PDB file of N, CA and C in Angstrom:
ATOM      1  N   MET A   1      68.081  82.348 103.430  1.00  0.00           N
ATOM      2  CA  MET A   1      69.402  82.307 102.856  1.00  0.00           C
ATOM      3  C   MET A   1      70.456  82.259 104.009  1.00  0.00           C
ATOM      4  N   THR A   2      71.296  81.358 103.934  1.00  0.00           N
ATOM      5  CA  THR A   2      72.360  81.093 104.886  1.00  0.00           C
ATOM      6  C   THR A   2      73.611  81.556 104.493  1.00  0.00           C
ATOM      7  N   PHE A   3      74.419  82.021 105.490  1.00  0.00           N
ATOM      8  CA  PHE A   3      75.793  82.349 105.148  1.00  0.00           C
ATOM      9  C   PHE A   3      76.754  81.174 105.301  1.00  0.00           C
ATOM     10  N   VAL A   4      77.545  80.988 104.333  1.00  0.00           N
ATOM     11  CA  VAL A   4      78.450  79.878 104.181  1.00  0.00           C
ATOM     12  C   VAL A   4      79.886  80.609 104.119  1.00  0.00           C
ATOM     13  N   TRP A   5      80.727  80.260 105.068  1.00  0.00           N
ATOM     14  CA  TRP A   5      82.021  80.904 105.188  1.00  0.00           C
ATOM     15  C   TRP A   5      83.085  79.889 104.861  1.00  0.00           C
ATOM     16  N   GLN A   6      83.697  80.036 103.700  1.00  0.00           N
ATOM     17  CA  GLN A   6      84.775  79.187 103.387  1.00  0.00           C
ATOM     18  C   GLN A   6      85.999  80.010 103.050  1.00  0.00           C
ATOM     19  N   TRP A   7      86.985  79.522 102.470  1.00  0.00           N
ATOM     20  CA  TRP A   7      88.343  80.282 102.264  1.00  0.00           C
ATOM     21  C   TRP A   7      88.101  81.638 101.571  1.00  0.00           C
ATOM     22  N   PRO A   8      87.254  81.757 100.528  1.00  0.00           N
ATOM     23  CA  PRO A   8      87.204  83.104  99.937  1.00  0.00           C
ATOM     24  C   PRO A   8      86.657  84.083 100.817  1.00  0.00           C
ATOM     25  N   GLN A   9      85.464  83.820 101.576  1.00  0.00           N
ATOM     26  CA  GLN A   9      84.877  84.767 102.468  1.00  0.00           C
ATOM     27  C   GLN A   9      85.892  85.102 103.650  1.00  0.00           C
ATOM     28  N   LEU A  10      86.602  84.062 104.162  1.00  0.00           N
ATOM     29  CA  LEU A  10      87.457  84.342 105.279  1.00  0.00           C
ATOM     30  C   LEU A  10      88.692  85.241 104.842  1.00  0.00           C
ATOM     31  N   THR A  11      89.075  84.986 103.524  1.00  0.00           N
ATOM     32  CA  THR A  11      90.213  85.802 102.981  1.00  0.00           C
ATOM     33  C   THR A  11      89.832  87.286 102.806  1.00  0.00           C
ATOM     34  N   LEU A  12      88.513  87.397 102.363  1.00  0.00           N
ATOM     35  CA  LEU A  12      87.996  88.914 102.222  1.00  0.00           C
ATOM     36  C   LEU A  12      88.000  89.570 103.561  1.00  0.00           C
ATOM     37  N   CYS A  13      87.398  88.785 104.590  1.00  0.00           N
ATOM     38  CA  CYS A  13      87.410  89.439 106.061  1.00  0.00           C
ATOM     39  C   CYS A  13      88.738  89.670 106.452  1.00  0.00           C
ATOM     40  N   ALA A  14      89.773  88.771 106.274  1.00  0.00           N
ATOM     41  CA  ALA A  14      91.081  89.040 106.662  1.00  0.00           C
ATOM     42  C   ALA A  14      91.742  90.332 106.064  1.00  0.00           C
ATOM     43  N   LEU A  15      91.533  90.384 104.697  1.00  0.00           N
ATOM     44  CA  LEU A  15      91.994  91.658 104.053  1.00  0.00           C
ATOM     45  C   LEU A  15      91.378  92.935 104.646  1.00  0.00           C
ATOM     46  N   VAL A  16      90.056  92.902 104.869  1.00  0.00           N
ATOM     47  CA  VAL A  16      89.392  94.025 105.403  1.00  0.00           C
ATOM     48  C   VAL A  16      90.022  94.400 106.776  1.00  0.00           C
ATOM     49  N   LEU A  17      90.290  93.397 107.671  1.00  0.00           N
ATOM     50  CA  LEU A  17      90.918  93.578 108.992  1.00  0.00           C
ATOM     51  C   LEU A  17      92.358  94.126 108.785  1.00  0.00           C
ATOM     52  N   ILE A  18      93.156  93.642 107.853  1.00  0.00           N
ATOM     53  CA  ILE A  18      94.504  94.027 107.622  1.00  0.00           C
ATOM     54  C   ILE A  18      94.409  95.495 107.105  1.00  0.00           C
ATOM     55  N   CYS A  19      93.485  95.909 106.282  1.00  0.00           N
ATOM     56  CA  CYS A  19      93.431  97.336 105.838  1.00  0.00           C
ATOM     57  C   CYS A  19      93.078  98.202 106.977  1.00  0.00           C
ATOM     58  N   ALA A  20      92.239  97.902 107.866  1.00  0.00           N
ATOM     59  CA  ALA A  20      91.891  98.668 109.136  1.00  0.00           C
ATOM     60  C   ALA A  20      93.080  98.760 110.029  1.00  0.00           C
ATOM     61  N   ALA A  21      93.861  97.697 110.151  1.00  0.00           N
ATOM     62  CA  ALA A  21      95.141  97.760 111.007  1.00  0.00           C
ATOM     63  C   ALA A  21      96.069  98.717 110.424  1.00  0.00           C
ATOM     64  N   VAL A  22      96.325  98.622 109.132  1.00  0.00           N
ATOM     65  CA  VAL A  22      97.256  99.519 108.479  1.00  0.00           C
ATOM     66  C   VAL A  22      96.833 100.992 108.602  1.00  0.00           C
ATOM     67  N   ASP A  23      95.599 101.227 108.589  1.00  0.00           N
ATOM     68  CA  ASP A  23      95.097 102.666 108.852  1.00  0.00           C
ATOM     69  C   ASP A  23      95.384 103.131 110.157  1.00  0.00           C
ATOM     70  N   VAL A  24      95.176 102.302 111.255  1.00  0.00           N
ATOM     71  CA  VAL A  24      95.479 102.672 112.547  1.00  0.00           C
ATOM     72  C   VAL A  24      96.889 102.910 112.746  1.00  0.00           C
ATOM     73  N   THR A  25      97.685 101.971 112.191  1.00  0.00           N
ATOM     74  CA  THR A  25      99.188 102.064 112.334  1.00  0.00           C
ATOM     75  C   THR A  25      99.678 103.351 111.715  1.00  0.00           C
ATOM     76  N   ARG A  26      99.207 103.658 110.466  1.00  0.00           N
ATOM     77  CA  ARG A  26      99.657 104.820 109.767  1.00  0.00           C
ATOM     78  C   ARG A  26      99.440 106.054 110.604  1.00  0.00           C
ATOM     79  N   ASP A  27      98.178 106.144 111.262  1.00  0.00           N
ATOM     80  CA  ASP A  27      97.853 107.265 112.123  1.00  0.00           C
ATOM     81  C   ASP A  27      98.690 107.361 113.256  1.00  0.00           C
ATOM     82  N   ALA A  28      99.095 106.266 113.920  1.00  0.00           N
ATOM     83  CA  ALA A  28      99.880 106.209 115.173  1.00  0.00           C
ATOM     84  C   ALA A  28     101.347 106.621 114.795  1.00  0.00           C
ATOM     85  N   TYR A  29     101.864 106.187 113.737  1.00  0.00           N
ATOM     86  CA  TYR A  29     103.374 106.546 113.481  1.00  0.00           C
ATOM     87  C   TYR A  29     103.537 107.967 112.840  1.00  0.00           C
ATOM     88  N   THR A  30     102.604 108.281 111.937  1.00  0.00           N
ATOM     89  CA  THR A  30     102.865 109.678 111.268  1.00  0.00           C
ATOM     90  C   THR A  30     102.184 110.690 111.890  1.00  0.00           C
ATOM     91  N   GLY A  31     100.902 110.459 112.384  1.00  0.00           N
ATOM     92  CA  GLY A  31     100.110 111.612 112.949  1.00  0.00           C
ATOM     93  C   GLY A  31      99.497 112.468 111.854  1.00  0.00           C
ATOM     94  N   LYS A  32      99.806 112.203 110.535  1.00  0.00           N
ATOM     95  CA  LYS A  32      99.355 112.968 109.488  1.00  0.00           C
ATOM     96  C   LYS A  32      98.052 112.287 108.868  1.00  0.00           C
ATOM     97  N   HIS A  33      97.853 111.091 109.158  1.00  0.00           N
ATOM     98  CA  HIS A  33      96.860 110.320 108.524  1.00  0.00           C
ATOM     99  C   HIS A  33      95.571 110.235 109.349  1.00  0.00           C
ATOM    100  N   SER A  34      94.450 110.720 108.779  1.00  0.00           N
ATOM    101  CA  SER A  34      93.217 110.601 109.553  1.00  0.00           C
ATOM    102  C   SER A  34      92.563 109.321 109.542  1.00  0.00           C
ATOM    103  N   VAL A  35      92.762 108.640 110.688  1.00  0.00           N
ATOM    104  CA  VAL A  35      92.183 107.237 110.782  1.00  0.00           C
ATOM    105  C   VAL A  35      90.692 107.234 110.728  1.00  0.00           C
ATOM    106  N   SER A  36      89.993 108.268 111.266  1.00  0.00           N
ATOM    107  CA  SER A  36      88.603 108.303 111.285  1.00  0.00           C
ATOM    108  C   SER A  36      87.990 108.384 109.774  1.00  0.00           C
ATOM    109  N   ALA A  37      88.653 109.322 108.981  1.00  0.00           N
ATOM    110  CA  ALA A  37      88.249 109.525 107.668  1.00  0.00           C
ATOM    111  C   ALA A  37      88.473 108.268 106.839  1.00  0.00           C
ATOM    112  N   SER A  38      89.697 107.567 107.110  1.00  0.00           N
ATOM    113  CA  SER A  38      89.939 106.427 106.307  1.00  0.00           C
ATOM    114  C   SER A  38      89.050 105.263 106.634  1.00  0.00           C
ATOM    115  N   ILE A  39      88.735 105.066 107.929  1.00  0.00           N
ATOM    116  CA  ILE A  39      87.865 104.067 108.376  1.00  0.00           C
ATOM    117  C   ILE A  39      86.415 104.287 107.819  1.00  0.00           C
ATOM    118  N   PHE A  40      85.996 105.499 107.774  1.00  0.00           N
ATOM    119  CA  PHE A  40      84.557 105.840 107.172  1.00  0.00           C
ATOM    120  C   PHE A  40      84.679 105.560 105.787  1.00  0.00           C
ATOM    121  N   GLY A  41      85.698 105.965 105.067  1.00  0.00           N
ATOM    122  CA  GLY A  41      85.814 105.690 103.637  1.00  0.00           C
ATOM    123  C   GLY A  41      85.775 104.184 103.312  1.00  0.00           C
ATOM    124  N   ASN A  42      86.629 103.377 104.119  1.00  0.00           N
ATOM    125  CA  ASN A  42      86.696 101.999 103.965  1.00  0.00           C
ATOM    126  C   ASN A  42      85.338 101.286 104.216  1.00  0.00           C
ATOM    127  N   VAL A  43      84.701 101.742 105.271  1.00  0.00           N
ATOM    128  CA  VAL A  43      83.492 101.050 105.617  1.00  0.00           C
ATOM    129  C   VAL A  43      82.388 101.362 104.631  1.00  0.00           C
ATOM    130  N   SER A  44      82.341 102.471 104.098  1.00  0.00           N
ATOM    131  CA  SER A  44      81.339 102.749 102.965  1.00  0.00           C
ATOM    132  C   SER A  44      81.711 101.873 101.786  1.00  0.00           C
ATOM    133  N   PHE A  45      82.909 101.847 101.417  1.00  0.00           N
ATOM    134  CA  PHE A  45      83.354 100.964 100.265  1.00  0.00           C
ATOM    135  C   PHE A  45      82.954  99.496 100.448  1.00  0.00           C
ATOM    136  N   TYR A  46      83.326  99.099 101.687  1.00  0.00           N
ATOM    137  CA  TYR A  46      83.053  97.632 101.959  1.00  0.00           C
ATOM    138  C   TYR A  46      81.650  97.302 102.156  1.00  0.00           C
ATOM    139  N   ALA A  47      80.783  98.330 102.555  1.00  0.00           N
ATOM    140  CA  ALA A  47      79.426  98.164 102.681  1.00  0.00           C
ATOM    141  C   ALA A  47      78.824  97.849 101.240  1.00  0.00           C
ATOM    142  N   VAL A  48      79.244  98.704 100.305  1.00  0.00           N
ATOM    143  CA  VAL A  48      78.833  98.492  98.868  1.00  0.00           C
ATOM    144  C   VAL A  48      79.234  97.126  98.362  1.00  0.00           C
ATOM    145  N   LEU A  49      80.509  96.841  98.530  1.00  0.00           N
ATOM    146  CA  LEU A  49      81.131  95.544  98.203  1.00  0.00           C
ATOM    147  C   LEU A  49      80.399  94.310  98.645  1.00  0.00           C
ATOM    148  N   ALA A  50      80.040  94.404 100.000  1.00  0.00           N
ATOM    149  CA  ALA A  50      79.441  93.313 100.665  1.00  0.00           C
ATOM    150  C   ALA A  50      78.030  93.098 100.140  1.00  0.00           C
ATOM    151  N   THR A  51      77.350  94.225  99.826  1.00  0.00           N
ATOM    152  CA  THR A  51      75.927  94.263  99.280  1.00  0.00           C
ATOM    153  C   THR A  51      75.977  93.589  97.779  1.00  0.00           C
ATOM    154  N   LEU A  52      76.895  93.915  97.084  1.00  0.00           N
ATOM    155  CA  LEU A  52      77.069  93.425  95.663  1.00  0.00           C
ATOM    156  C   LEU A  52      77.459  91.904  95.776  1.00  0.00           C
ATOM    157  N   LEU A  53      78.287  91.555  96.700  1.00  0.00           N
ATOM    158  CA  LEU A  53      78.639  90.033  96.791  1.00  0.00           C
ATOM    159  C   LEU A  53      77.521  89.346  97.441  1.00  0.00           C
ATOM    160  N   TYR A  54      76.732  89.902  98.278  1.00  0.00           N
ATOM    161  CA  TYR A  54      75.523  89.108  98.823  1.00  0.00           C
ATOM    162  C   TYR A  54      74.505  88.854  97.700  1.00  0.00           C
ATOM    163  N   TYR A  55      74.148  89.849  97.032  1.00  0.00           N
ATOM    164  CA  TYR A  55      73.181  89.596  96.020  1.00  0.00           C
ATOM    165  C   TYR A  55      73.717  88.938  94.764  1.00  0.00           C
ATOM    166  N   GLY A  56      75.093  88.849  94.732  1.00  0.00           N
ATOM    167  CA  GLY A  56      75.708  87.988  93.582  1.00  0.00           C
ATOM    168  C   GLY A  56      75.767  86.524  94.059  1.00  0.00           C
ATOM    169  N   GLY A  57      75.616  86.209  95.330  1.00  0.00           N
ATOM    170  CA  GLY A  57      75.553  84.863  95.643  1.00  0.00           C
ATOM    171  C   GLY A  57      76.904  84.354  96.243  1.00  0.00           C
ATOM    172  N   PHE A  58      77.749  85.298  96.838  1.00  0.00           N
ATOM    173  CA  PHE A  58      78.991  85.032  97.287  1.00  0.00           C
ATOM    174  C   PHE A  58      78.931  84.247  98.608  1.00  0.00           C
ATOM    175  N   PHE A  59      77.941  84.584  99.468  1.00  0.00           N
ATOM    176  CA  PHE A  59      77.780  84.066 100.707  1.00  0.00           C
ATOM    177  C   PHE A  59      76.800  82.903 100.824  1.00  0.00           C
ATOM    178  N   THR A  60      76.323  82.354  99.662  1.00  0.00           N
ATOM    179  CA  THR A  60      75.276  81.297  99.690  1.00  0.00           C
ATOM    180  C   THR A  60      76.074  79.992  99.375  1.00  0.00           C
ATOM    181  N   GLU A  61      75.553  78.950  99.878  1.00  0.00           N
ATOM    182  CA  GLU A  61      76.096  77.595  99.614  1.00  0.00           C
ATOM    183  C   GLU A  61      75.740  77.150  98.269  1.00  0.00           C
ATOM    184  N   VAL A  62      76.701  76.659  97.440  1.00  0.00           N
ATOM    185  CA  VAL A  62      76.471  76.167  96.127  1.00  0.00           C
ATOM    186  C   VAL A  62      76.662  74.639  96.044  1.00  0.00           C
ATOM    187  N   ARG A  63      75.637  73.991  95.759  1.00  0.00           N
ATOM    188  CA  ARG A  63      75.840  72.436  95.717  1.00  0.00           C
ATOM    189  C   ARG A  63      75.691  72.090  94.268  1.00  0.00           C
ATOM    190  N   PRO A  64      76.650  71.125  93.850  1.00  0.00           N
ATOM    191  CA  PRO A  64      76.644  70.795  92.537  1.00  0.00           C
ATOM    192  C   PRO A  64      75.530  69.781  92.270  1.00  0.00           C
TER     193      PRO A  64
END
């Protein structure tokens, strides 16, 4: 199985990186936000999401 990265996959990765940047920024400006807990929560969520997408065929090339 090969990974095919087109706009949906790249958009998903960009959104994940934006969420991580928001968590780091929130912690830096307020000091009340736990960036480590948030990153751990996001990583576990995105691991489940990536697994579901992988087995659902989101990363495979579809040829008509």
